[in-house]
Amino acid sequence: MATIRHEYYETDERVTISVFDRGADAAQVSVKFEPRKVVTYTNGDKLLVLEPLKGQIDTNACDYTVGKVKVELRLSKIAQGRWGGLIGDSPDPLANSAATPSSEPQRKTGKNWDGITSNILSSEKDKSLDEDPNVGGDSAVNPFFQKIYADADDDTRRAMMKSFVESGGTTLSTNWDEVQKEMVPVRPPEGQEWKKWN
């Protein structure tokens, strides 16, 4: 039987093995997972047996996919942590314990990134002015003020400019009779403090 080239990488939770079997037929590929023996991988006369694994795997959580260039085997570790190698005679840390995949404490599950993404996208959908009075922000308000300014007479324009500049952008008045008499005071929003920058 011919052996098959393979490579692996690992995280604390999983080992992923790439078996380079170009053009493998999914119907012909057979993979058998055992707690310390991965994989008996067979495809016609090709065979790959990896034993003993450096640690135990949860055979119920392991799976594989057959691609055009390689077959990817995903092994779920029972005990989290790095093995530092795929095969080895190191003692199995779980062999003498009563730990089995069903009695093992629940491991932290990964995040559901698809769910998080869809929640964010649905929360970012365009809202109407009735749902959120701040919709559009400056881009919605500026055209409104530009229209007022463009359609106004000279006194109204003067009042708008003077009140906006003197108040540091905190007040906008269209009444020239009111603002021409004295300096327009700064009126920061409630809970805010005005600071003059030099």
C-alpha atoms as a PDB file:
ATOM      1  CA  MET A   1       0.000   0.000   0.000  1.00  0.00           C
ATOM      2  CA  ALA A   2       1.177   3.551  -0.769  1.00  0.00           C
ATOM      3  CA  THR A   3       1.541   6.044   2.071  1.00  0.00           C
ATOM      4  CA  ILE A   4       0.199   9.573   1.632  1.00  0.00           C
ATOM      5  CA  ARG A   5       1.967  12.868   2.317  1.00  0.00           C
ATOM      6  CA  HIS A   6       0.311  14.833   5.124  1.00  0.00           C
ATOM      7  CA  GLU A   7       0.843  17.930   7.259  1.00  0.00           C
ATOM      8  CA  TYR A   8      -0.859  19.223  10.381  1.00  0.00           C
ATOM      9  CA  TYR A   9      -1.349  22.291  12.515  1.00  0.00           C
ATOM     10  CA  GLU A  10      -2.931  22.608  15.934  1.00  0.00           C
ATOM     11  CA  THR A  11      -4.695  24.957  18.295  1.00  0.00           C
ATOM     12  CA  ASP A  12      -5.455  24.302  21.969  1.00  0.00           C
ATOM     13  CA  GLU A  13      -8.808  22.760  20.998  1.00  0.00           C
ATOM     14  CA  ARG A  14      -8.171  21.029  17.670  1.00  0.00           C
ATOM     15  CA  VAL A  15      -5.678  19.373  15.322  1.00  0.00           C
ATOM     16  CA  THR A  16      -6.192  19.772  11.578  1.00  0.00           C
ATOM     17  CA  ILE A  17      -4.453  17.302   9.282  1.00  0.00           C
ATOM     18  CA  SER A  18      -4.155  17.912   5.551  1.00  0.00           C
ATOM     19  CA  VAL A  19      -3.829  14.657   3.605  1.00  0.00           C
ATOM     20  CA  PHE A  20      -2.576  15.455   0.101  1.00  0.00           C
ATOM     21  CA  ASP A  21      -4.626  13.090  -2.031  1.00  0.00           C
ATOM     22  CA  ARG A  22      -5.329  15.016  -5.246  1.00  0.00           C
ATOM     23  CA  GLY A  23      -8.616  14.137  -6.925  1.00  0.00           C
ATOM     24  CA  ALA A  24      -9.817  11.887  -4.098  1.00  0.00           C
ATOM     25  CA  ASP A  25     -13.362  10.606  -4.630  1.00  0.00           C
ATOM     26  CA  ALA A  26     -15.492  11.291  -1.552  1.00  0.00           C
ATOM     27  CA  ALA A  27     -17.360   8.021  -2.109  1.00  0.00           C
ATOM     28  CA  GLN A  28     -14.083   6.056  -1.958  1.00  0.00           C
ATOM     29  CA  VAL A  29     -12.495   7.811   1.035  1.00  0.00           C
ATOM     30  CA  SER A  30     -12.885   6.143   4.426  1.00  0.00           C
ATOM     31  CA  VAL A  31     -11.707   7.685   7.693  1.00  0.00           C
ATOM     32  CA  LYS A  32     -11.881   5.974  11.073  1.00  0.00           C
ATOM     33  CA  PHE A  33     -11.225   7.929  14.272  1.00  0.00           C
ATOM     34  CA  GLU A  34     -10.216   6.238  17.528  1.00  0.00           C
ATOM     35  CA  PRO A  35      -9.324   7.932  20.854  1.00  0.00           C
ATOM     36  CA  ARG A  36      -5.502   7.675  20.380  1.00  0.00           C
ATOM     37  CA  LYS A  37      -5.331   6.518  16.784  1.00  0.00           C
ATOM     38  CA  VAL A  38      -6.248   8.775  14.057  1.00  0.00           C
ATOM     39  CA  VAL A  39      -7.221   7.914  11.469  1.00  0.00           C
ATOM     40  CA  THR A  40      -7.144   5.057   9.501  1.00  0.00           C
ATOM     41  CA  TYR A  41      -7.449   6.880   6.199  1.00  0.00           C
ATOM     42  CA  THR A  42      -7.993   4.740   3.139  1.00  0.00           C
ATOM     43  CA  ASN A  43      -8.659   5.598  -0.475  1.00  0.00           C
ATOM     44  CA  GLY A  44      -8.245   2.642  -2.786  1.00  0.00           C
ATOM     45  CA  ASP A  45      -4.696   1.375  -2.241  1.00  0.00           C
ATOM     46  CA  LYS A  46      -3.638   4.508  -0.320  1.00  0.00           C
ATOM     47  CA  LEU A  47      -3.399   4.172   3.446  1.00  0.00           C
ATOM     48  CA  LEU A  48      -2.490   6.510   6.295  1.00  0.00           C
ATOM     49  CA  VAL A  49      -2.460   5.335   9.907  1.00  0.00           C
ATOM     50  CA  LEU A  50      -1.373   7.783  12.595  1.00  0.00           C
ATOM     51  CA  GLU A  51      -0.790   6.162  15.977  1.00  0.00           C
ATOM     52  CA  PRO A  52      -0.369   6.679  18.798  1.00  0.00           C
ATOM     53  CA  LEU A  53      -1.558  10.256  18.847  1.00  0.00           C
ATOM     54  CA  LYS A  54       0.056  12.514  21.452  1.00  0.00           C
ATOM     55  CA  GLY A  55      -3.305  12.963  23.158  1.00  0.00           C
ATOM     56  CA  GLN A  56      -6.865  11.717  23.140  1.00  0.00           C
ATOM     57  CA  ILE A  57      -9.463  12.944  20.692  1.00  0.00           C
ATOM     58  CA  ASP A  58     -13.231  13.086  20.982  1.00  0.00           C
ATOM     59  CA  THR A  59     -14.179  10.732  18.168  1.00  0.00           C
ATOM     60  CA  ASN A  60     -17.755  12.041  18.101  1.00  0.00           C
ATOM     61  CA  ALA A  61     -16.575  15.613  17.420  1.00  0.00           C
ATOM     62  CA  CYS A  62     -14.071  14.753  14.671  1.00  0.00           C
ATOM     63  CA  ASP A  63     -14.886  15.139  10.994  1.00  0.00           C
ATOM     64  CA  TYR A  64     -13.324  15.475   7.558  1.00  0.00           C
ATOM     65  CA  THR A  65     -13.927  17.039   4.158  1.00  0.00           C
ATOM     66  CA  VAL A  66     -12.751  15.845   0.770  1.00  0.00           C
ATOM     67  CA  GLY A  67     -11.462  18.588  -1.535  1.00  0.00           C
ATOM     68  CA  LYS A  68      -9.930  18.630  -5.003  1.00  0.00           C
ATOM     69  CA  VAL A  69      -6.327  18.727  -3.774  1.00  0.00           C
ATOM     70  CA  LYS A  70      -6.480  17.422  -0.219  1.00  0.00           C
ATOM     71  CA  VAL A  71      -8.620  15.782   2.406  1.00  0.00           C
ATOM     72  CA  GLU A  72      -8.843  17.778   5.625  1.00  0.00           C
ATOM     73  CA  LEU A  73      -9.254  15.869   8.897  1.00  0.00           C
ATOM     74  CA  ARG A  74     -10.361  17.869  11.954  1.00  0.00           C
ATOM     75  CA  LEU A  75      -9.635  16.247  15.316  1.00  0.00           C
ATOM     76  CA  SER A  76     -11.207  17.600  18.473  1.00  0.00           C
ATOM     77  CA  LYS A  77      -8.944  17.300  21.535  1.00  0.00           C
ATOM     78  CA  ILE A  78     -10.440  16.058  24.780  1.00  0.00           C
ATOM     79  CA  ALA A  79      -7.911  17.968  26.910  1.00  0.00           C
ATOM     80  CA  GLN A  80      -7.109  21.481  25.776  1.00  0.00           C
ATOM     81  CA  GLY A  81      -3.488  22.396  25.198  1.00  0.00           C
ATOM     82  CA  ARG A  82      -0.734  21.995  22.641  1.00  0.00           C
ATOM     83  CA  TRP A  83       0.620  18.548  21.856  1.00  0.00           C
ATOM     84  CA  GLY A  84       3.803  19.816  20.212  1.00  0.00           C
ATOM     85  CA  GLY A  85       3.687  16.908  17.801  1.00  0.00           C
ATOM     86  CA  LEU A  86       1.158  14.654  16.156  1.00  0.00           C
ATOM     87  CA  ILE A  87       2.425  11.195  17.028  1.00  0.00           C
ATOM     88  CA  GLY A  88       4.335  10.217  20.141  1.00  0.00           C
ATOM     89  CA  ASP A  89       4.774   7.678  22.872  1.00  0.00           C
ATOM     90  CA  SER A  90       4.137  10.223  25.593  1.00  0.00           C
ATOM     91  CA  PRO A  91       1.820   8.838  28.250  1.00  0.00           C
ATOM     92  CA  ASP A  92      -1.824   9.629  27.689  1.00  0.00           C
ATOM     93  CA  PRO A  93      -2.752  12.106  30.437  1.00  0.00           C
ATOM     94  CA  LEU A  94      -6.345  10.847  30.375  1.00  0.00           C
ATOM     95  CA  ALA A  95      -5.628   7.096  30.251  1.00  0.00           C
ATOM     96  CA  ASN A  96      -5.714   6.566  34.016  1.00  0.00           C
ATOM     97  CA  SER A  97      -8.591   8.893  34.698  1.00  0.00           C
ATOM     98  CA  ALA A  98     -12.260   8.148  34.350  1.00  0.00           C
ATOM     99  CA  ALA A  99     -12.619  11.081  32.001  1.00  0.00           C
ATOM    100  CA  THR A 100     -14.507  10.358  28.836  1.00  0.00           C
ATOM    101  CA  PRO A 101     -15.903  12.793  26.328  1.00  0.00           C
ATOM    102  CA  SER A 102     -19.313  12.631  28.011  1.00  0.00           C
ATOM    103  CA  SER A 103     -17.996  13.142  31.574  1.00  0.00           C
ATOM    104  CA  GLU A 104     -15.455  15.782  30.586  1.00  0.00           C
ATOM    105  CA  PRO A 105     -16.455  19.276  31.780  1.00  0.00           C
ATOM    106  CA  GLN A 106     -18.030  21.368  29.076  1.00  0.00           C
ATOM    107  CA  ARG A 107     -15.398  23.110  27.014  1.00  0.00           C
ATOM    108  CA  LYS A 108     -15.808  26.664  25.942  1.00  0.00           C
ATOM    109  CA  THR A 109     -17.560  26.687  22.618  1.00  0.00           C
ATOM    110  CA  GLY A 110     -16.424  28.944  19.802  1.00  0.00           C
ATOM    111  CA  LYS A 111     -18.228  32.108  18.883  1.00  0.00           C
ATOM    112  CA  ASN A 112     -20.958  31.990  16.293  1.00  0.00           C
ATOM    113  CA  TRP A 113     -19.427  34.633  14.019  1.00  0.00           C
ATOM    114  CA  ASP A 114     -22.186  34.263  11.423  1.00  0.00           C
ATOM    115  CA  GLY A 115     -24.804  35.057  14.074  1.00  0.00           C
ATOM    116  CA  ILE A 116     -22.824  38.010  15.399  1.00  0.00           C
ATOM    117  CA  THR A 117     -22.357  39.383  11.882  1.00  0.00           C
ATOM    118  CA  SER A 118     -26.051  39.101  11.040  1.00  0.00           C
ATOM    119  CA  ASN A 119     -26.996  40.818  14.337  1.00  0.00           C
ATOM    120  CA  ILE A 120     -24.648  43.709  13.587  1.00  0.00           C
ATOM    121  CA  LEU A 121     -25.868  44.049  10.016  1.00  0.00           C
ATOM    122  CA  SER A 122     -29.520  43.998  11.076  1.00  0.00           C
ATOM    123  CA  SER A 123     -28.856  46.641  13.744  1.00  0.00           C
ATOM    124  CA  GLU A 124     -27.108  48.839  11.157  1.00  0.00           C
ATOM    125  CA  LYS A 125     -29.979  48.812   8.689  1.00  0.00           C
ATOM    126  CA  ASP A 126     -31.258  52.232   7.745  1.00  0.00           C
ATOM    127  CA  LYS A 127     -33.765  53.592  10.208  1.00  0.00           C
ATOM    128  CA  SER A 128     -36.458  56.090   9.512  1.00  0.00           C
ATOM    129  CA  LEU A 129     -36.723  59.484  11.171  1.00  0.00           C
ATOM    130  CA  ASP A 130     -39.670  58.101  13.197  1.00  0.00           C
ATOM    131  CA  GLU A 131     -37.512  55.263  14.632  1.00  0.00           C
ATOM    132  CA  ASP A 132     -34.526  57.474  15.435  1.00  0.00           C
ATOM    133  CA  PRO A 133     -34.707  61.278  15.489  1.00  0.00           C
ATOM    134  CA  ASN A 134     -30.910  61.447  15.031  1.00  0.00           C
ATOM    135  CA  VAL A 135     -30.924  59.568  11.729  1.00  0.00           C
ATOM    136  CA  GLY A 136     -28.485  61.084   9.277  1.00  0.00           C
ATOM    137  CA  GLY A 137     -26.726  63.285  11.841  1.00  0.00           C
ATOM    138  CA  ASP A 138     -25.007  66.327  10.314  1.00  0.00           C
ATOM    139  CA  SER A 139     -25.604  65.075   6.791  1.00  0.00           C
ATOM    140  CA  ALA A 140     -29.365  65.344   7.371  1.00  0.00           C
ATOM    141  CA  VAL A 141     -29.277  68.682   9.228  1.00  0.00           C
ATOM    142  CA  ASN A 142     -26.779  70.580   7.080  1.00  0.00           C
ATOM    143  CA  PRO A 143     -28.932  70.645   3.923  1.00  0.00           C
ATOM    144  CA  PHE A 144     -31.802  71.974   6.057  1.00  0.00           C
ATOM    145  CA  PHE A 145     -29.715  74.894   7.370  1.00  0.00           C
ATOM    146  CA  GLN A 146     -28.211  75.508   3.928  1.00  0.00           C
ATOM    147  CA  LYS A 147     -31.715  75.857   2.503  1.00  0.00           C
ATOM    148  CA  ILE A 148     -32.745  78.295   5.257  1.00  0.00           C
ATOM    149  CA  TYR A 149     -29.594  80.338   4.639  1.00  0.00           C
ATOM    150  CA  ALA A 150     -30.011  80.334   0.844  1.00  0.00           C
ATOM    151  CA  ASP A 151     -33.672  81.400   1.003  1.00  0.00           C
ATOM    152  CA  ALA A 152     -33.134  84.051   3.713  1.00  0.00           C
ATOM    153  CA  ASP A 153     -32.829  87.828   3.396  1.00  0.00           C
ATOM    154  CA  ASP A 154     -29.613  89.678   4.294  1.00  0.00           C
ATOM    155  CA  ASP A 155     -30.625  90.348   7.933  1.00  0.00           C
ATOM    156  CA  THR A 156     -31.415  86.673   8.548  1.00  0.00           C
ATOM    157  CA  ARG A 157     -28.088  85.605   7.026  1.00  0.00           C
ATOM    158  CA  ARG A 158     -26.246  88.137   9.178  1.00  0.00           C
ATOM    159  CA  ALA A 159     -28.060  86.875  12.288  1.00  0.00           C
ATOM    160  CA  MET A 160     -27.213  83.238  11.470  1.00  0.00           C
ATOM    161  CA  MET A 161     -23.514  84.000  10.928  1.00  0.00           C
ATOM    162  CA  LYS A 162     -23.122  86.241  13.987  1.00  0.00           C
ATOM    163  CA  SER A 163     -24.959  83.897  16.371  1.00  0.00           C
ATOM    164  CA  PHE A 164     -23.103  80.802  15.152  1.00  0.00           C
ATOM    165  CA  VAL A 165     -19.609  82.344  15.295  1.00  0.00           C
ATOM    166  CA  GLU A 166     -19.986  84.228  18.596  1.00  0.00           C
ATOM    167  CA  SER A 167     -21.582  81.284  20.407  1.00  0.00           C
ATOM    168  CA  GLY A 168     -18.895  78.865  19.257  1.00  0.00           C
ATOM    169  CA  GLY A 169     -21.422  76.895  17.233  1.00  0.00           C
ATOM    170  CA  THR A 170     -23.813  76.379  20.160  1.00  0.00           C
ATOM    171  CA  THR A 171     -26.521  78.810  19.013  1.00  0.00           C
ATOM    172  CA  LEU A 172     -28.083  79.578  15.657  1.00  0.00           C
ATOM    173  CA  SER A 173     -30.515  82.490  15.462  1.00  0.00           C
ATOM    174  CA  THR A 174     -32.373  83.959  12.484  1.00  0.00           C
ATOM    175  CA  ASN A 175     -33.522  87.091  14.379  1.00  0.00           C
ATOM    176  CA  TRP A 176     -31.180  89.984  13.504  1.00  0.00           C
ATOM    177  CA  ASP A 177     -32.995  92.442  15.796  1.00  0.00           C
ATOM    178  CA  GLU A 178     -32.190  90.185  18.759  1.00  0.00           C
ATOM    179  CA  VAL A 179     -28.548  89.287  18.035  1.00  0.00           C
ATOM    180  CA  GLN A 180     -27.297  92.666  16.713  1.00  0.00           C
ATOM    181  CA  LYS A 181     -27.563  94.353  20.116  1.00  0.00           C
ATOM    182  CA  GLU A 182     -24.957  92.333  22.025  1.00  0.00           C
ATOM    183  CA  MET A 183     -22.576  89.378  21.959  1.00  0.00           C
ATOM    184  CA  VAL A 184     -24.308  85.985  21.615  1.00  0.00           C
ATOM    185  CA  PRO A 185     -23.461  83.875  24.690  1.00  0.00           C
ATOM    186  CA  VAL A 186     -22.094  80.352  24.473  1.00  0.00           C
ATOM    187  CA  ARG A 187     -24.757  77.796  25.446  1.00  0.00           C
ATOM    188  CA  PRO A 188     -23.264  74.285  25.548  1.00  0.00           C
ATOM    189  CA  PRO A 189     -25.662  71.310  25.639  1.00  0.00           C
ATOM    190  CA  GLU A 190     -26.939  70.285  29.053  1.00  0.00           C
ATOM    191  CA  GLY A 191     -24.302  68.340  30.971  1.00  0.00           C
ATOM    192  CA  GLN A 192     -21.471  69.711  28.803  1.00  0.00           C
ATOM    193  CA  GLU A 193     -18.880  72.332  29.714  1.00  0.00           C
ATOM    194  CA  TRP A 194     -17.554  74.959  27.292  1.00  0.00           C
ATOM    195  CA  LYS A 195     -13.779  75.344  27.166  1.00  0.00           C
ATOM    196  CA  LYS A 196     -12.022  78.016  25.157  1.00  0.00           C
ATOM    197  CA  TRP A 197      -9.076  76.701  23.165  1.00  0.00           C
ATOM    198  CA  ASN A 198      -6.145  79.016  22.685  1.00  0.00           C
END
